[in-house]
C-alpha atoms as a PDB file:
ATOM      1  CA  MET A   1     -53.441 -14.683 -78.329  1.00  0.00           C
ATOM      2  CA  SER A   2     -51.658 -14.177 -81.657  1.00  0.00           C
ATOM      3  CA  GLU A   3     -50.972 -10.736 -83.133  1.00  0.00           C
ATOM      4  CA  LEU A   4     -53.524 -11.516 -85.846  1.00  0.00           C
ATOM      5  CA  GLU A   5     -56.205 -12.300 -83.235  1.00  0.00           C
ATOM      6  CA  LYS A   6     -55.408  -9.122 -81.306  1.00  0.00           C
ATOM      7  CA  ASN A   7     -56.104  -7.034 -84.388  1.00  0.00           C
ATOM      8  CA  THR A   8     -59.546  -8.445 -85.165  1.00  0.00           C
ATOM      9  CA  PRO A   9     -62.403  -5.891 -84.949  1.00  0.00           C
ATOM     10  CA  GLU A  10     -64.046  -7.810 -82.089  1.00  0.00           C
ATOM     11  CA  VAL A  11     -60.937  -7.793 -79.907  1.00  0.00           C
ATOM     12  CA  GLN A  12     -60.141  -4.177 -80.774  1.00  0.00           C
ATOM     13  CA  GLY A  13     -63.683  -3.247 -79.733  1.00  0.00           C
ATOM     14  CA  GLU A  14     -63.299  -5.082 -76.427  1.00  0.00           C
ATOM     15  CA  ASN A  15     -59.961  -3.355 -75.774  1.00  0.00           C
ATOM     16  CA  THR A  16     -61.479   0.027 -76.508  1.00  0.00           C
ATOM     17  CA  ALA A  17     -64.359  -0.638 -74.090  1.00  0.00           C
ATOM     18  CA  VAL A  18     -61.935  -1.745 -71.354  1.00  0.00           C
ATOM     19  CA  GLU A  19     -59.741   1.324 -71.897  1.00  0.00           C
ATOM     20  CA  GLN A  20     -62.775   3.624 -71.822  1.00  0.00           C
ATOM     21  CA  LYS A  21     -64.035   2.082 -68.580  1.00  0.00           C
ATOM     22  CA  ALA A  22     -60.564   2.385 -67.018  1.00  0.00           C
ATOM     23  CA  ALA A  23     -60.387   6.035 -68.087  1.00  0.00           C
ATOM     24  CA  GLU A  24     -63.827   6.741 -66.559  1.00  0.00           C
ATOM     25  CA  THR A  25     -62.790   5.032 -63.304  1.00  0.00           C
ATOM     26  CA  SER A  26     -59.539   7.007 -63.197  1.00  0.00           C
ATOM     27  CA  GLU A  27     -61.369  10.277 -63.890  1.00  0.00           C
ATOM     28  CA  LYS A  28     -63.849   9.634 -61.058  1.00  0.00           C
ATOM     29  CA  SER A  29     -61.106   8.687 -58.587  1.00  0.00           C
ATOM     30  CA  SER A  30     -59.253  11.920 -59.363  1.00  0.00           C
ATOM     31  CA  ALA A  31     -62.383  14.086 -59.202  1.00  0.00           C
ATOM     32  CA  PRO A  32     -62.635  16.468 -56.245  1.00  0.00           C
ATOM     33  CA  MET A  33     -64.888  15.327 -53.416  1.00  0.00           C
ATOM     34  CA  LEU A  34     -66.795  18.612 -53.710  1.00  0.00           C
ATOM     35  CA  GLU A  35     -66.890  20.955 -56.675  1.00  0.00           C
ATOM     36  CA  VAL A  36     -69.004  24.111 -56.721  1.00  0.00           C
ATOM     37  CA  ARG A  37     -69.376  25.999 -60.001  1.00  0.00           C
ATOM     38  CA  GLU A  38     -70.626  29.583 -60.159  1.00  0.00           C
ATOM     39  CA  LEU A  39     -73.011  28.994 -57.252  1.00  0.00           C
ATOM     40  CA  SER A  40     -75.410  31.851 -56.545  1.00  0.00           C
ATOM     41  CA  ILE A  41     -78.605  32.457 -54.616  1.00  0.00           C
ATOM     42  CA  GLN A  42     -80.865  35.470 -54.526  1.00  0.00           C
ATOM     43  CA  PHE A  43     -83.524  36.397 -51.982  1.00  0.00           C
ATOM     44  CA  GLY A  44     -85.648  39.096 -53.564  1.00  0.00           C
ATOM     45  CA  GLY A  45     -83.235  41.910 -54.363  1.00  0.00           C
ATOM     46  CA  LEU A  46     -80.440  40.490 -52.186  1.00  0.00           C
ATOM     47  CA  ARG A  47     -77.795  38.305 -53.832  1.00  0.00           C
ATOM     48  CA  ALA A  48     -76.573  36.432 -50.746  1.00  0.00           C
ATOM     49  CA  VAL A  49     -73.982  34.316 -52.583  1.00  0.00           C
ATOM     50  CA  ASP A  50     -72.656  35.429 -55.954  1.00  0.00           C
ATOM     51  CA  GLY A  51     -70.747  33.117 -58.310  1.00  0.00           C
ATOM     52  CA  LEU A  52     -68.871  30.961 -55.801  1.00  0.00           C
ATOM     53  CA  ASN A  53     -66.368  28.447 -57.184  1.00  0.00           C
ATOM     54  CA  LEU A  54     -64.876  25.810 -54.925  1.00  0.00           C
ATOM     55  CA  LYS A  55     -62.898  22.578 -55.262  1.00  0.00           C
ATOM     56  CA  ILE A  56     -62.172  20.365 -52.261  1.00  0.00           C
ATOM     57  CA  LYS A  57     -59.965  17.315 -52.676  1.00  0.00           C
ATOM     58  CA  LYS A  58     -60.739  13.966 -51.118  1.00  0.00           C
ATOM     59  CA  HIS A  59     -59.474  13.652 -47.526  1.00  0.00           C
ATOM     60  CA  GLN A  60     -58.891  17.427 -47.342  1.00  0.00           C
ATOM     61  CA  LEU A  61     -59.617  19.654 -44.356  1.00  0.00           C
ATOM     62  CA  TYR A  62     -60.944  22.869 -45.891  1.00  0.00           C
ATOM     63  CA  GLY A  63     -62.145  26.096 -44.291  1.00  0.00           C
ATOM     64  CA  LEU A  64     -64.817  28.576 -45.383  1.00  0.00           C
ATOM     65  CA  ILE A  65     -64.378  31.826 -43.482  1.00  0.00           C
ATOM     66  CA  GLY A  66     -65.489  35.440 -43.615  1.00  0.00           C
ATOM     67  CA  PRO A  67     -67.041  38.215 -41.532  1.00  0.00           C
ATOM     68  CA  ASN A  68     -70.558  37.864 -40.075  1.00  0.00           C
ATOM     69  CA  GLY A  69     -73.161  38.002 -42.827  1.00  0.00           C
ATOM     70  CA  ALA A  70     -70.706  37.014 -45.569  1.00  0.00           C
ATOM     71  CA  GLY A  71     -72.912  34.116 -46.761  1.00  0.00           C
ATOM     72  CA  LYS A  72     -71.087  31.133 -45.248  1.00  0.00           C
ATOM     73  CA  THR A  73     -74.071  29.354 -43.665  1.00  0.00           C
ATOM     74  CA  THR A  74     -76.100  30.122 -46.789  1.00  0.00           C
ATOM     75  CA  VAL A  75     -73.502  28.127 -48.748  1.00  0.00           C
ATOM     76  CA  PHE A  76     -73.916  25.220 -46.312  1.00  0.00           C
ATOM     77  CA  ASN A  77     -77.690  25.430 -46.723  1.00  0.00           C
ATOM     78  CA  MET A  78     -77.319  25.140 -50.498  1.00  0.00           C
ATOM     79  CA  LEU A  79     -74.860  22.253 -50.235  1.00  0.00           C
ATOM     80  CA  THR A  80     -77.316  20.344 -48.038  1.00  0.00           C
ATOM     81  CA  GLY A  81     -80.471  21.117 -50.026  1.00  0.00           C
ATOM     82  CA  VAL A  82     -82.096  23.440 -47.477  1.00  0.00           C
ATOM     83  CA  TYR A  83     -81.893  26.234 -50.085  1.00  0.00           C
ATOM     84  CA  LYS A  84     -82.123  25.727 -53.849  1.00  0.00           C
ATOM     85  CA  PRO A  85     -79.462  27.725 -55.738  1.00  0.00           C
ATOM     86  CA  THR A  86     -80.645  30.433 -58.104  1.00  0.00           C
ATOM     87  CA  SER A  87     -77.861  29.375 -60.482  1.00  0.00           C
ATOM     88  CA  GLY A  88     -74.713  27.276 -60.567  1.00  0.00           C
ATOM     89  CA  ALA A  89     -73.996  23.619 -59.871  1.00  0.00           C
ATOM     90  CA  ILE A  90     -72.815  21.367 -57.026  1.00  0.00           C
ATOM     91  CA  PHE A  91     -70.955  18.100 -57.655  1.00  0.00           C
ATOM     92  CA  LEU A  92     -70.252  15.517 -54.945  1.00  0.00           C
ATOM     93  CA  ASP A  93     -67.595  12.976 -55.935  1.00  0.00           C
ATOM     94  CA  GLY A  94     -68.322  13.745 -59.595  1.00  0.00           C
ATOM     95  CA  VAL A  95     -72.129  13.456 -59.322  1.00  0.00           C
ATOM     96  CA  ASN A  96     -74.367  16.496 -59.835  1.00  0.00           C
ATOM     97  CA  ILE A  97     -76.531  16.938 -56.716  1.00  0.00           C
ATOM     98  CA  THR A  98     -77.818  20.440 -57.500  1.00  0.00           C
ATOM     99  CA  GLY A  99     -81.430  20.952 -56.443  1.00  0.00           C
ATOM    100  CA  LYS A 100     -81.830  17.622 -54.647  1.00  0.00           C
ATOM    101  CA  SER A 101     -83.725  17.419 -51.358  1.00  0.00           C
ATOM    102  CA  PRO A 102     -81.892  17.306 -47.998  1.00  0.00           C
ATOM    103  CA  VAL A 103     -82.767  13.600 -47.644  1.00  0.00           C
ATOM    104  CA  GLU A 104     -81.405  12.784 -51.110  1.00  0.00           C
ATOM    105  CA  ILE A 105     -78.242  14.781 -50.490  1.00  0.00           C
ATOM    106  CA  ASN A 106     -77.687  13.068 -47.157  1.00  0.00           C
ATOM    107  CA  LYS A 107     -78.060   9.687 -48.841  1.00  0.00           C
ATOM    108  CA  SER A 108     -75.588  10.847 -51.505  1.00  0.00           C
ATOM    109  CA  GLY A 109     -72.997  11.388 -48.785  1.00  0.00           C
ATOM    110  CA  ILE A 110     -73.147  14.843 -47.147  1.00  0.00           C
ATOM    111  CA  ALA A 111     -73.765  15.307 -43.419  1.00  0.00           C
ATOM    112  CA  ARG A 112     -73.579  18.460 -41.316  1.00  0.00           C
ATOM    113  CA  THR A 113     -73.553  19.873 -37.831  1.00  0.00           C
ATOM    114  CA  PHE A 114     -74.978  23.243 -36.807  1.00  0.00           C
ATOM    115  CA  GLN A 115     -73.664  26.405 -35.174  1.00  0.00           C
ATOM    116  CA  ASN A 116     -76.362  26.051 -32.508  1.00  0.00           C
ATOM    117  CA  ILE A 117     -76.267  22.435 -31.373  1.00  0.00           C
ATOM    118  CA  ARG A 118     -79.397  20.599 -32.530  1.00  0.00           C
ATOM    119  CA  LEU A 119     -79.458  17.381 -30.579  1.00  0.00           C
ATOM    120  CA  PHE A 120     -82.663  15.607 -29.563  1.00  0.00           C
ATOM    121  CA  LYS A 121     -82.224  16.710 -25.974  1.00  0.00           C
ATOM    122  CA  GLU A 122     -84.892  14.479 -24.428  1.00  0.00           C
ATOM    123  CA  MET A 123     -83.465  11.375 -26.093  1.00  0.00           C
ATOM    124  CA  SER A 124     -80.543   9.316 -24.870  1.00  0.00           C
ATOM    125  CA  VAL A 125     -77.035   9.717 -26.212  1.00  0.00           C
ATOM    126  CA  LEU A 126     -77.350   6.302 -27.892  1.00  0.00           C
ATOM    127  CA  ASP A 127     -80.692   7.092 -29.524  1.00  0.00           C
ATOM    128  CA  ASN A 128     -79.344  10.376 -30.898  1.00  0.00           C
ATOM    129  CA  VAL A 129     -76.723   8.432 -32.827  1.00  0.00           C
ATOM    130  CA  LYS A 130     -79.236   5.806 -33.967  1.00  0.00           C
ATOM    131  CA  VAL A 131     -81.412   8.563 -35.420  1.00  0.00           C
ATOM    132  CA  GLY A 132     -78.562   9.280 -37.837  1.00  0.00           C
ATOM    133  CA  MET A 133     -78.842   5.734 -39.172  1.00  0.00           C
ATOM    134  CA  GLN A 134     -82.516   5.920 -40.165  1.00  0.00           C
ATOM    135  CA  ASN A 135     -81.743   6.574 -43.840  1.00  0.00           C
ATOM    136  CA  SER A 136     -80.002   3.206 -44.042  1.00  0.00           C
ATOM    137  CA  THR A 137     -82.440   0.999 -42.096  1.00  0.00           C
ATOM    138  CA  LYS A 138     -83.428  -2.154 -43.944  1.00  0.00           C
ATOM    139  CA  TYR A 139     -86.737  -2.975 -42.299  1.00  0.00           C
ATOM    140  CA  THR A 140     -90.060  -1.615 -43.518  1.00  0.00           C
ATOM    141  CA  THR A 141     -92.548   0.452 -41.549  1.00  0.00           C
ATOM    142  CA  ILE A 142     -94.846  -2.585 -41.282  1.00  0.00           C
ATOM    143  CA  GLU A 143     -91.997  -4.755 -39.979  1.00  0.00           C
ATOM    144  CA  GLY A 144     -91.282  -2.084 -37.380  1.00  0.00           C
ATOM    145  CA  ILE A 145     -94.906  -1.737 -36.282  1.00  0.00           C
ATOM    146  CA  LEU A 146     -95.420  -5.502 -36.029  1.00  0.00           C
ATOM    147  CA  ARG A 147     -91.983  -6.078 -34.487  1.00  0.00           C
ATOM    148  CA  LEU A 148     -91.105  -8.773 -37.038  1.00  0.00           C
ATOM    149  CA  PRO A 149     -87.742 -10.611 -36.847  1.00  0.00           C
ATOM    150  CA  ARG A 150     -85.929  -8.320 -39.307  1.00  0.00           C
ATOM    151  CA  TYR A 151     -86.814  -5.305 -37.139  1.00  0.00           C
ATOM    152  CA  PHE A 152     -85.035  -6.798 -34.114  1.00  0.00           C
ATOM    153  CA  LYS A 153     -82.057  -7.888 -36.219  1.00  0.00           C
ATOM    154  CA  GLU A 154     -81.592  -4.421 -37.732  1.00  0.00           C
ATOM    155  CA  GLU A 155     -82.099  -2.639 -34.415  1.00  0.00           C
ATOM    156  CA  LYS A 156     -79.434  -4.850 -32.836  1.00  0.00           C
ATOM    157  CA  LEU A 157     -76.972  -4.033 -35.626  1.00  0.00           C
ATOM    158  CA  MET A 158     -77.747  -0.302 -35.347  1.00  0.00           C
ATOM    159  CA  THR A 159     -77.228  -0.359 -31.590  1.00  0.00           C
ATOM    160  CA  GLU A 160     -73.882  -2.135 -31.967  1.00  0.00           C
ATOM    161  CA  ARG A 161     -72.680   0.326 -34.587  1.00  0.00           C
ATOM    162  CA  ALA A 162     -73.884   3.320 -32.547  1.00  0.00           C
ATOM    163  CA  ILE A 163     -71.973   2.101 -29.497  1.00  0.00           C
ATOM    164  CA  GLU A 164     -68.833   1.679 -31.626  1.00  0.00           C
ATOM    165  CA  LEU A 165     -69.178   5.289 -32.789  1.00  0.00           C
ATOM    166  CA  LEU A 166     -69.675   6.473 -29.218  1.00  0.00           C
ATOM    167  CA  LYS A 167     -66.518   4.612 -28.189  1.00  0.00           C
ATOM    168  CA  VAL A 168     -64.570   6.580 -30.793  1.00  0.00           C
ATOM    169  CA  PHE A 169     -65.622   9.782 -29.018  1.00  0.00           C
ATOM    170  CA  GLU A 170     -65.352   8.289 -25.521  1.00  0.00           C
ATOM    171  CA  LEU A 171     -69.090   8.718 -24.990  1.00  0.00           C
ATOM    172  CA  ASP A 172     -70.055   5.047 -24.668  1.00  0.00           C
ATOM    173  CA  GLY A 173     -70.052   5.291 -20.862  1.00  0.00           C
ATOM    174  CA  GLU A 174     -72.859   7.861 -21.136  1.00  0.00           C
ATOM    175  CA  LYS A 175     -74.921   6.121 -23.799  1.00  0.00           C
ATOM    176  CA  ASP A 176     -78.033   5.970 -21.585  1.00  0.00           C
ATOM    177  CA  ALA A 177     -77.813   9.569 -20.352  1.00  0.00           C
ATOM    178  CA  LEU A 178     -80.049  12.288 -21.798  1.00  0.00           C
ATOM    179  CA  SER A 179     -78.109  14.294 -24.361  1.00  0.00           C
ATOM    180  CA  ALA A 180     -79.293  17.506 -22.638  1.00  0.00           C
ATOM    181  CA  ASN A 181     -77.296  16.495 -19.558  1.00  0.00           C
ATOM    182  CA  LEU A 182     -73.954  16.274 -21.357  1.00  0.00           C
ATOM    183  CA  PRO A 183     -71.377  19.059 -20.931  1.00  0.00           C
ATOM    184  CA  TYR A 184     -71.164  21.446 -23.893  1.00  0.00           C
ATOM    185  CA  GLY A 185     -67.986  19.943 -25.359  1.00  0.00           C
ATOM    186  CA  LYS A 186     -69.439  16.434 -25.262  1.00  0.00           C
ATOM    187  CA  GLN A 187     -72.627  17.653 -26.926  1.00  0.00           C
ATOM    188  CA  ARG A 188     -70.467  18.868 -29.819  1.00  0.00           C
ATOM    189  CA  LYS A 189     -68.823  15.460 -30.036  1.00  0.00           C
ATOM    190  CA  LEU A 190     -72.209  13.753 -29.971  1.00  0.00           C
ATOM    191  CA  GLU A 191     -73.456  15.932 -32.809  1.00  0.00           C
ATOM    192  CA  ILE A 192     -70.417  14.941 -34.894  1.00  0.00           C
ATOM    193  CA  ALA A 193     -70.989  11.272 -34.014  1.00  0.00           C
ATOM    194  CA  ARG A 194     -74.618  11.528 -35.126  1.00  0.00           C
ATOM    195  CA  ALA A 195     -73.527  13.103 -38.430  1.00  0.00           C
ATOM    196  CA  LEU A 196     -71.006  10.301 -38.980  1.00  0.00           C
ATOM    197  CA  ALA A 197     -73.764   7.741 -38.338  1.00  0.00           C
ATOM    198  CA  THR A 198     -75.248   8.719 -41.713  1.00  0.00           C
ATOM    199  CA  ASN A 199     -72.056   7.348 -43.320  1.00  0.00           C
ATOM    200  CA  PRO A 200     -71.060  10.521 -45.203  1.00  0.00           C
ATOM    201  CA  LYS A 201     -68.253  11.177 -47.689  1.00  0.00           C
ATOM    202  CA  LEU A 202     -68.207  14.884 -46.833  1.00  0.00           C
ATOM    203  CA  LEU A 203     -68.735  16.317 -43.349  1.00  0.00           C
ATOM    204  CA  LEU A 204     -69.779  19.967 -42.967  1.00  0.00           C
ATOM    205  CA  LEU A 205     -69.046  21.584 -39.594  1.00  0.00           C
ATOM    206  CA  ASP A 206     -70.748  24.926 -38.961  1.00  0.00           C
ATOM    207  CA  GLU A 207     -68.724  26.854 -36.335  1.00  0.00           C
ATOM    208  CA  PRO A 208     -67.882  23.766 -34.265  1.00  0.00           C
ATOM    209  CA  ALA A 209     -65.838  25.819 -31.755  1.00  0.00           C
ATOM    210  CA  ALA A 210     -68.641  28.319 -31.033  1.00  0.00           C
ATOM    211  CA  GLY A 211     -69.044  28.777 -27.278  1.00  0.00           C
ATOM    212  CA  MET A 212     -65.973  26.722 -26.389  1.00  0.00           C
ATOM    213  CA  ASN A 213     -63.158  27.729 -24.052  1.00  0.00           C
ATOM    214  CA  PRO A 214     -59.512  27.395 -25.227  1.00  0.00           C
ATOM    215  CA  ASN A 215     -59.063  23.924 -23.719  1.00  0.00           C
ATOM    216  CA  GLU A 216     -62.257  22.644 -25.365  1.00  0.00           C
ATOM    217  CA  THR A 217     -61.189  24.199 -28.682  1.00  0.00           C
ATOM    218  CA  GLU A 218     -57.823  22.448 -28.503  1.00  0.00           C
ATOM    219  CA  GLU A 219     -59.558  19.134 -27.839  1.00  0.00           C
ATOM    220  CA  LEU A 220     -61.950  19.807 -30.723  1.00  0.00           C
ATOM    221  CA  MET A 221     -59.026  20.387 -33.103  1.00  0.00           C
ATOM    222  CA  ASN A 222     -57.643  16.977 -32.181  1.00  0.00           C
ATOM    223  CA  THR A 223     -61.102  15.424 -32.602  1.00  0.00           C
ATOM    224  CA  ILE A 224     -61.535  16.883 -36.102  1.00  0.00           C
ATOM    225  CA  ARG A 225     -58.113  15.637 -37.213  1.00  0.00           C
ATOM    226  CA  PHE A 226     -58.892  12.233 -35.726  1.00  0.00           C
ATOM    227  CA  VAL A 227     -62.246  12.014 -37.524  1.00  0.00           C
ATOM    228  CA  ARG A 228     -60.643  12.946 -40.852  1.00  0.00           C
ATOM    229  CA  ASP A 229     -57.966  10.268 -40.505  1.00  0.00           C
ATOM    230  CA  LYS A 230     -59.974   7.435 -38.894  1.00  0.00           C
ATOM    231  CA  PHE A 231     -62.974   7.710 -41.219  1.00  0.00           C
ATOM    232  CA  ASP A 232     -61.016   8.831 -44.321  1.00  0.00           C
ATOM    233  CA  MET A 233     -63.316  11.841 -44.270  1.00  0.00           C
ATOM    234  CA  THR A 234     -63.327  15.041 -46.279  1.00  0.00           C
ATOM    235  CA  ILE A 235     -64.227  17.993 -44.038  1.00  0.00           C
ATOM    236  CA  LEU A 236     -65.425  21.500 -44.835  1.00  0.00           C
ATOM    237  CA  LEU A 237     -65.828  23.813 -41.877  1.00  0.00           C
ATOM    238  CA  ILE A 238     -67.031  27.326 -41.141  1.00  0.00           C
ATOM    239  CA  GLU A 239     -65.224  28.914 -38.241  1.00  0.00           C
ATOM    240  CA  HIS A 240     -64.442  32.309 -36.687  1.00  0.00           C
ATOM    241  CA  ASP A 241     -61.741  31.000 -34.357  1.00  0.00           C
ATOM    242  CA  MET A 242     -58.598  31.773 -36.373  1.00  0.00           C
ATOM    243  CA  LYS A 243     -56.414  29.645 -34.109  1.00  0.00           C
ATOM    244  CA  LEU A 244     -58.500  26.607 -34.985  1.00  0.00           C
ATOM    245  CA  VAL A 245     -58.613  27.565 -38.674  1.00  0.00           C
ATOM    246  CA  SER A 246     -54.853  28.064 -38.959  1.00  0.00           C
ATOM    247  CA  GLY A 247     -54.217  24.943 -36.891  1.00  0.00           C
ATOM    248  CA  ILE A 248     -56.133  22.401 -38.969  1.00  0.00           C
ATOM    249  CA  CYS A 249     -57.271  23.812 -42.340  1.00  0.00           C
ATOM    250  CA  GLU A 250     -55.082  23.074 -45.347  1.00  0.00           C
ATOM    251  CA  GLU A 251     -56.816  25.544 -47.662  1.00  0.00           C
ATOM    252  CA  LEU A 252     -59.328  28.346 -47.258  1.00  0.00           C
ATOM    253  CA  THR A 253     -61.930  30.294 -49.153  1.00  0.00           C
ATOM    254  CA  VAL A 254     -62.846  33.707 -47.764  1.00  0.00           C
ATOM    255  CA  LEU A 255     -66.287  35.147 -48.455  1.00  0.00           C
ATOM    256  CA  ASN A 256     -67.224  38.802 -48.116  1.00  0.00           C
ATOM    257  CA  PHE A 257     -70.699  40.088 -48.998  1.00  0.00           C
ATOM    258  CA  GLY A 258     -71.414  36.799 -50.764  1.00  0.00           C
ATOM    259  CA  GLN A 259     -68.411  36.928 -53.051  1.00  0.00           C
ATOM    260  CA  GLU A 260     -65.073  35.150 -52.994  1.00  0.00           C
ATOM    261  CA  LEU A 261     -62.448  37.484 -51.543  1.00  0.00           C
ATOM    262  CA  ALA A 262     -59.492  35.093 -51.426  1.00  0.00           C
ATOM    263  CA  GLN A 263     -58.766  31.422 -51.935  1.00  0.00           C
ATOM    264  CA  GLY A 264     -55.738  29.189 -51.474  1.00  0.00           C
ATOM    265  CA  GLU A 265     -53.270  27.821 -48.949  1.00  0.00           C
ATOM    266  CA  THR A 266     -54.196  28.780 -45.390  1.00  0.00           C
ATOM    267  CA  SER A 267     -51.197  30.864 -44.295  1.00  0.00           C
ATOM    268  CA  ALA A 268     -51.150  32.833 -47.552  1.00  0.00           C
ATOM    269  CA  VAL A 269     -54.872  33.594 -47.330  1.00  0.00           C
ATOM    270  CA  LEU A 270     -54.726  34.677 -43.691  1.00  0.00           C
ATOM    271  CA  ASN A 271     -51.896  37.096 -44.525  1.00  0.00           C
ATOM    272  CA  ASP A 272     -53.674  38.564 -47.550  1.00  0.00           C
ATOM    273  CA  PRO A 273     -54.186  42.320 -46.946  1.00  0.00           C
ATOM    274  CA  LYS A 274     -57.703  42.102 -48.443  1.00  0.00           C
ATOM    275  CA  VAL A 275     -58.660  39.447 -45.887  1.00  0.00           C
ATOM    276  CA  ILE A 276     -57.172  41.415 -42.989  1.00  0.00           C
ATOM    277  CA  THR A 277     -59.074  44.522 -44.087  1.00  0.00           C
ATOM    278  CA  ALA A 278     -62.365  42.579 -44.372  1.00  0.00           C
ATOM    279  CA  TYR A 279     -62.009  41.362 -40.782  1.00  0.00           C
ATOM    280  CA  LEU A 280     -60.452  44.386 -39.124  1.00  0.00           C
ATOM    281  CA  GLY A 281     -61.366  47.329 -41.352  1.00  0.00           C
ATOM    282  CA  ASP A 282     -58.954  49.817 -42.901  1.00  0.00           C
END
């Protein structure tokens, strides 16, 4: 193309459009996986979370900590659509998801586990994982009821993928066992596997070490690191076990009475006098 042709209005317009698209792509790729802006929620006269700001980079392992009643699980409930924020905004990978339903938010790419394990205890280990895939099934209700060919094809694919996930957590040998019969540590792993079955971008872990002994906690730390690396996952966790927090979290936000008390690199935050006072008192 000659210099004269390059300077025609048509070509200049095309170049501008290409540059603009490249800039938009670059901006999205550099956007944080999760950004929370001035997030607040009020229940009657109680302001449970007040003006929280948060940025979590892609592939980061981030911790949200604080004393009991600080508002941590309330934050998780807003991020997953269980609670609607009174004010503020939530962005997942650059997309505003504020006020969406739990189903919509899960489809957008957020999955969670719970402090009290919520498996389907009378279902098999395999079926628990397959439940997590229901948002992505490609057969209709009618095809499922009538057992049409696409139903069997999709169920076969789901079963194969579920078994692959169970292999990652070394649970494939117990795929036919009732989830209620698994030891506590394996139930935690199964809950994480079920969350990953929804194909999330961001995984929220609510006190994953609750009720675990030191050996189980150590194994859990390795599991969380493994999940982050194998699935290129971004992870936000709530945890009271400071050994686990200091061992795997790259950055922390500390909540106290619904407000941000400290934020930053893990070791600096854990040595902040304000944080020590909030946990231990004066």
